[in-house]
């Protein structure tokens, strides 16, 4: 009779472990989905705001905007140089 009880407890423990593994996998999948969604939303917001994709792009945009600014000699009406 003792072996029968031990077998039942072992089966119950196996079911509990399977349930815990499935629950852990679901949590991991949900966490990955949330991370992906947040990354997608951040990328969309950055694209809508016109932000550069990388630091190198930022440097290129900064250099281009600096080259487009008029020089102090070319300014009219004595605007202050910032």
Protein backbone atom coordinates (compact mmCIF):
# COMPACT_ATOMS: atom_id res chain seq x y z
CA UNK A 1 0.00 0.00 0.00
CA UNK A 2 2.88 2.36 0.74
CA UNK A 3 4.22 1.97 -2.80
CA UNK A 4 0.79 2.87 -4.20
CA UNK A 5 0.72 6.12 -2.18
CA UNK A 6 4.28 6.96 -3.19
CA UNK A 7 3.38 6.41 -6.85
CA UNK A 8 0.34 8.72 -6.56
CA UNK A 9 2.46 11.41 -4.89
CA UNK A 10 5.10 11.10 -7.59
CA UNK A 11 2.46 11.51 -10.32
CA UNK A 12 1.01 14.53 -8.56
CA UNK A 13 4.47 16.06 -8.22
CA UNK A 14 5.12 15.45 -11.93
CA UNK A 15 1.84 17.21 -12.83
CA UNK A 16 2.78 20.13 -10.56
CA UNK A 17 6.18 20.43 -12.20
CA UNK A 18 4.63 20.36 -15.69
CA UNK A 19 2.15 23.06 -14.66
CA UNK A 20 4.96 25.20 -13.22
CA UNK A 21 7.01 24.80 -16.41
CA UNK A 22 4.05 25.76 -18.61
CA UNK A 23 3.29 28.77 -16.43
CA UNK A 24 6.92 29.88 -16.56
CA UNK A 25 6.94 29.58 -20.36
CA UNK A 26 3.75 31.66 -20.59
CA UNK A 27 5.24 34.35 -18.37
CA UNK A 28 8.41 34.44 -20.46
CA UNK A 29 6.42 34.71 -23.68
CA UNK A 30 4.30 37.52 -22.24
CA UNK A 31 7.43 39.35 -21.04
CA UNK A 32 9.03 39.06 -24.50
CA UNK A 33 5.81 40.31 -26.14
CA UNK A 34 5.70 43.34 -23.81
CA UNK A 35 9.36 44.14 -24.50
CA UNK A 36 8.78 43.88 -28.24
CA UNK A 37 5.70 46.10 -28.02
CA UNK A 38 7.56 48.75 -26.00
CA UNK A 39 10.47 48.69 -28.45
CA UNK A 40 8.09 49.04 -31.38
CA UNK A 41 6.30 51.97 -29.76
CA UNK A 42 9.61 53.68 -28.95
CA UNK A 43 10.79 53.22 -32.54
CA UNK A 44 7.53 54.63 -33.90
CA UNK A 45 7.73 57.63 -31.58
CA UNK A 46 11.35 58.29 -32.53
CA UNK A 47 10.50 58.04 -36.22
CA UNK A 48 7.55 60.41 -35.82
CA UNK A 49 9.74 62.90 -33.94
CA UNK A 50 12.45 62.69 -36.60
CA UNK A 51 15.09 61.44 -34.19
CA UNK A 52 18.22 59.83 -35.64
CA UNK A 53 18.61 56.05 -35.51
CA UNK A 54 22.15 56.10 -34.14
CA UNK A 55 24.68 58.42 -32.56
CA UNK A 56 26.53 58.60 -35.88
CA UNK A 57 23.34 59.80 -37.60
CA UNK A 58 22.94 62.38 -34.84
CA UNK A 59 26.47 63.67 -35.46
CA UNK A 60 25.84 63.87 -39.20
CA UNK A 61 22.58 65.80 -38.67
CA UNK A 62 24.31 68.16 -36.25
CA UNK A 63 27.12 68.83 -38.71
CA UNK A 64 24.67 69.40 -41.55
CA UNK A 65 22.59 71.84 -39.53
CA UNK A 66 25.73 73.72 -38.46
CA UNK A 67 26.77 74.05 -42.09
CA UNK A 68 23.34 75.42 -43.04
CA UNK A 69 23.46 78.24 -40.45
CA UNK A 70 24.51 81.57 -41.88
CA UNK A 71 27.86 82.87 -40.76
CA UNK A 72 28.19 86.01 -38.67
CA UNK A 73 29.52 87.94 -41.68
CA UNK A 74 26.53 86.96 -43.77
CA UNK A 75 23.89 88.00 -41.25
CA UNK A 76 21.89 91.10 -41.93
CA UNK A 77 20.76 93.74 -39.45
CA UNK A 78 23.36 92.76 -36.88
CA UNK A 79 21.73 89.65 -35.41
CA UNK A 80 23.55 88.27 -32.44
CA UNK A 81 25.61 85.14 -32.92
CA UNK A 82 24.64 82.44 -30.47
